[in-house]
């Protein structure tokens, strides 16, 4: 995360790593918009993973 501008001693930060982290966080936020994923309707791990794959494909195609 970038340091606050008013800080006396500035920290170093990796801009590319921060951009990549932001993309991943946004992806999970969009994935959680699907109610079945957020509330975990599926009982088995296999079915839940299938639902995640389906929702991830839909998010990726948009």
N, C-alpha and C. Protein backbone atom coordinates (compact mmCIF):
# COMPACT_ATOMS: atom_id res chain seq x y z
N UNK A 1 0.83 -1.16 0.00
CA UNK A 1 0.00 0.00 0.00
C UNK A 1 0.89 1.24 0.00
N UNK A 2 0.55 2.25 -0.78
CA UNK A 2 1.39 3.44 -0.81
C UNK A 2 1.35 4.17 0.53
N UNK A 3 2.46 4.78 0.90
CA UNK A 3 2.48 5.50 2.16
C UNK A 3 1.69 6.81 2.08
N UNK A 4 1.31 7.31 3.23
CA UNK A 4 0.61 8.59 3.32
C UNK A 4 1.59 9.70 2.96
N UNK A 5 1.14 10.67 2.17
CA UNK A 5 2.05 11.73 1.69
C UNK A 5 2.58 12.62 2.81
N UNK A 6 1.81 12.77 3.87
CA UNK A 6 2.22 13.66 4.95
C UNK A 6 3.18 13.00 5.94
N UNK A 7 3.52 11.77 5.70
CA UNK A 7 4.42 11.03 6.59
C UNK A 7 5.83 11.61 6.50
N UNK A 8 6.47 11.72 7.64
CA UNK A 8 7.82 12.28 7.68
C UNK A 8 8.81 11.34 7.01
N UNK A 9 8.77 10.08 7.38
CA UNK A 9 9.67 9.08 6.80
C UNK A 9 8.87 8.19 5.85
N UNK A 10 9.09 8.36 4.56
CA UNK A 10 8.33 7.61 3.56
C UNK A 10 8.81 6.16 3.46
N UNK A 11 7.85 5.26 3.34
CA UNK A 11 8.17 3.85 3.16
C UNK A 11 8.31 3.56 1.67
N UNK A 12 9.04 2.52 1.34
CA UNK A 12 9.11 2.09 -0.05
C UNK A 12 8.00 1.07 -0.30
N UNK A 13 7.51 1.04 -1.53
CA UNK A 13 6.46 0.09 -1.89
C UNK A 13 6.58 -0.27 -3.35
N UNK A 14 6.15 -1.46 -3.68
CA UNK A 14 6.25 -1.97 -5.04
C UNK A 14 4.95 -1.68 -5.78
N UNK A 15 4.99 -0.80 -6.75
CA UNK A 15 3.80 -0.38 -7.48
C UNK A 15 3.17 -1.55 -8.25
N UNK A 16 3.98 -2.38 -8.90
CA UNK A 16 3.46 -3.52 -9.68
C UNK A 16 2.77 -4.55 -8.78
N UNK A 17 3.37 -4.83 -7.64
CA UNK A 17 2.77 -5.77 -6.70
C UNK A 17 1.44 -5.23 -6.17
N UNK A 18 1.38 -3.95 -5.92
CA UNK A 18 0.15 -3.32 -5.44
C UNK A 18 -0.94 -3.39 -6.50
N UNK A 19 -0.60 -3.17 -7.77
CA UNK A 19 -1.58 -3.26 -8.85
C UNK A 19 -2.12 -4.68 -8.98
N UNK A 20 -1.24 -5.67 -8.88
CA UNK A 20 -1.66 -7.06 -8.99
C UNK A 20 -2.57 -7.44 -7.82
N UNK A 21 -2.23 -6.99 -6.64
CA UNK A 21 -3.05 -7.29 -5.46
C UNK A 21 -4.43 -6.66 -5.60
N UNK A 22 -4.47 -5.45 -6.13
CA UNK A 22 -5.74 -4.75 -6.34
C UNK A 22 -6.63 -5.52 -7.32
N UNK A 23 -6.05 -6.05 -8.40
CA UNK A 23 -6.81 -6.84 -9.36
C UNK A 23 -7.39 -8.10 -8.73
N UNK A 24 -6.60 -8.77 -7.91
CA UNK A 24 -7.07 -9.99 -7.25
C UNK A 24 -8.19 -9.68 -6.27
N UNK A 25 -8.04 -8.61 -5.50
CA UNK A 25 -9.08 -8.24 -4.54
C UNK A 25 -10.38 -7.86 -5.25
N UNK A 26 -10.27 -7.16 -6.37
CA UNK A 26 -11.46 -6.80 -7.14
C UNK A 26 -12.13 -8.03 -7.71
N UNK A 27 -11.34 -9.01 -8.15
CA UNK A 27 -11.91 -10.24 -8.68
C UNK A 27 -12.72 -10.98 -7.62
N UNK A 28 -12.16 -11.09 -6.40
CA UNK A 28 -12.90 -11.77 -5.33
C UNK A 28 -14.14 -10.99 -4.92
N UNK A 29 -14.08 -9.68 -4.99
CA UNK A 29 -15.26 -8.87 -4.67
C UNK A 29 -16.37 -9.12 -5.69
N UNK A 30 -16.00 -9.21 -6.98
CA UNK A 30 -16.99 -9.50 -8.02
C UNK A 30 -17.52 -10.92 -7.89
N UNK A 31 -16.66 -11.84 -7.49
CA UNK A 31 -17.07 -13.23 -7.33
C UNK A 31 -18.07 -13.37 -6.19
N UNK A 32 -17.90 -12.59 -5.13
CA UNK A 32 -18.80 -12.66 -3.98
C UNK A 32 -20.15 -12.01 -4.24
N UNK A 33 -20.30 -11.35 -5.37
CA UNK A 33 -21.61 -10.79 -5.72
C UNK A 33 -22.60 -11.89 -6.08
N UNK A 34 -22.10 -13.07 -6.41
CA UNK A 34 -22.98 -14.20 -6.69
C UNK A 34 -23.44 -14.79 -5.36
N UNK A 35 -24.73 -14.80 -5.16
CA UNK A 35 -25.29 -15.18 -3.87
C UNK A 35 -24.93 -16.62 -3.49
N UNK A 36 -24.94 -17.51 -4.45
CA UNK A 36 -24.63 -18.91 -4.16
C UNK A 36 -23.19 -19.08 -3.68
N UNK A 37 -22.31 -18.23 -4.13
CA UNK A 37 -20.91 -18.29 -3.70
C UNK A 37 -20.77 -17.66 -2.31
N UNK A 38 -21.40 -16.51 -2.12
CA UNK A 38 -21.26 -15.80 -0.85
C UNK A 38 -21.87 -16.57 0.32
N UNK A 39 -22.99 -17.26 0.08
CA UNK A 39 -23.65 -17.98 1.16
C UNK A 39 -23.33 -19.47 1.18
N UNK A 40 -22.59 -19.93 0.18
CA UNK A 40 -22.18 -21.33 0.05
C UNK A 40 -23.38 -22.27 0.13
N UNK A 41 -24.20 -22.22 -0.93
CA UNK A 41 -25.36 -23.10 -1.02
C UNK A 41 -24.99 -24.57 -1.13
N UNK A 42 -23.94 -24.87 -1.85
CA UNK A 42 -23.57 -26.27 -2.10
C UNK A 42 -23.01 -26.91 -0.84
N UNK A 43 -23.40 -28.15 -0.61
CA UNK A 43 -22.97 -28.84 0.60
C UNK A 43 -21.59 -29.46 0.45
N UNK A 44 -21.31 -29.99 -0.73
CA UNK A 44 -20.03 -30.66 -0.90
C UNK A 44 -18.99 -29.70 -1.48
N UNK A 45 -17.75 -29.97 -1.17
CA UNK A 45 -16.66 -29.12 -1.66
C UNK A 45 -16.55 -29.20 -3.18
N UNK A 46 -16.83 -30.37 -3.74
CA UNK A 46 -16.74 -30.55 -5.19
C UNK A 46 -17.76 -29.67 -5.91
N UNK A 47 -19.00 -29.66 -5.43
CA UNK A 47 -20.03 -28.83 -6.06
C UNK A 47 -19.75 -27.34 -5.86
N UNK A 48 -19.24 -26.98 -4.70
CA UNK A 48 -18.91 -25.58 -4.43
C UNK A 48 -17.79 -25.11 -5.35
N UNK A 49 -16.79 -25.95 -5.56
CA UNK A 49 -15.70 -25.59 -6.46
C UNK A 49 -16.20 -25.45 -7.89
N UNK A 50 -17.13 -26.29 -8.29
CA UNK A 50 -17.73 -26.17 -9.62
C UNK A 50 -18.48 -24.85 -9.77
N UNK A 51 -19.20 -24.44 -8.73
CA UNK A 51 -19.91 -23.16 -8.78
C UNK A 51 -18.93 -22.00 -8.85
N UNK A 52 -17.82 -22.11 -8.14
CA UNK A 52 -16.80 -21.06 -8.19
C UNK A 52 -16.20 -20.98 -9.60
N UNK A 53 -15.93 -22.12 -10.21
CA UNK A 53 -15.39 -22.12 -11.57
C UNK A 53 -16.36 -21.48 -12.55
N UNK A 54 -17.63 -21.80 -12.41
CA UNK A 54 -18.65 -21.23 -13.30
C UNK A 54 -18.75 -19.73 -13.12
N UNK A 55 -18.82 -19.26 -11.88
CA UNK A 55 -18.93 -17.84 -11.61
C UNK A 55 -17.66 -17.09 -12.05
N UNK A 56 -16.50 -17.72 -11.85
CA UNK A 56 -15.23 -17.09 -12.27
C UNK A 56 -15.18 -16.94 -13.78
N UNK A 57 -15.68 -17.94 -14.49
CA UNK A 57 -15.71 -17.84 -15.95
C UNK A 57 -16.63 -16.73 -16.42
N UNK A 58 -17.76 -16.58 -15.77
CA UNK A 58 -18.70 -15.51 -16.13
C UNK A 58 -18.07 -14.14 -15.84
N UNK A 59 -17.42 -14.01 -14.69
CA UNK A 59 -16.75 -12.73 -14.34
C UNK A 59 -15.65 -12.45 -15.34
N UNK A 60 -14.88 -13.46 -15.71
CA UNK A 60 -13.76 -13.27 -16.62
C UNK A 60 -14.24 -12.88 -18.02
N UNK A 61 -15.37 -13.43 -18.46
CA UNK A 61 -15.88 -13.13 -19.80
C UNK A 61 -16.52 -11.74 -19.90
N UNK A 62 -16.90 -11.17 -18.79
CA UNK A 62 -17.47 -9.82 -18.83
C UNK A 62 -16.36 -8.88 -18.95
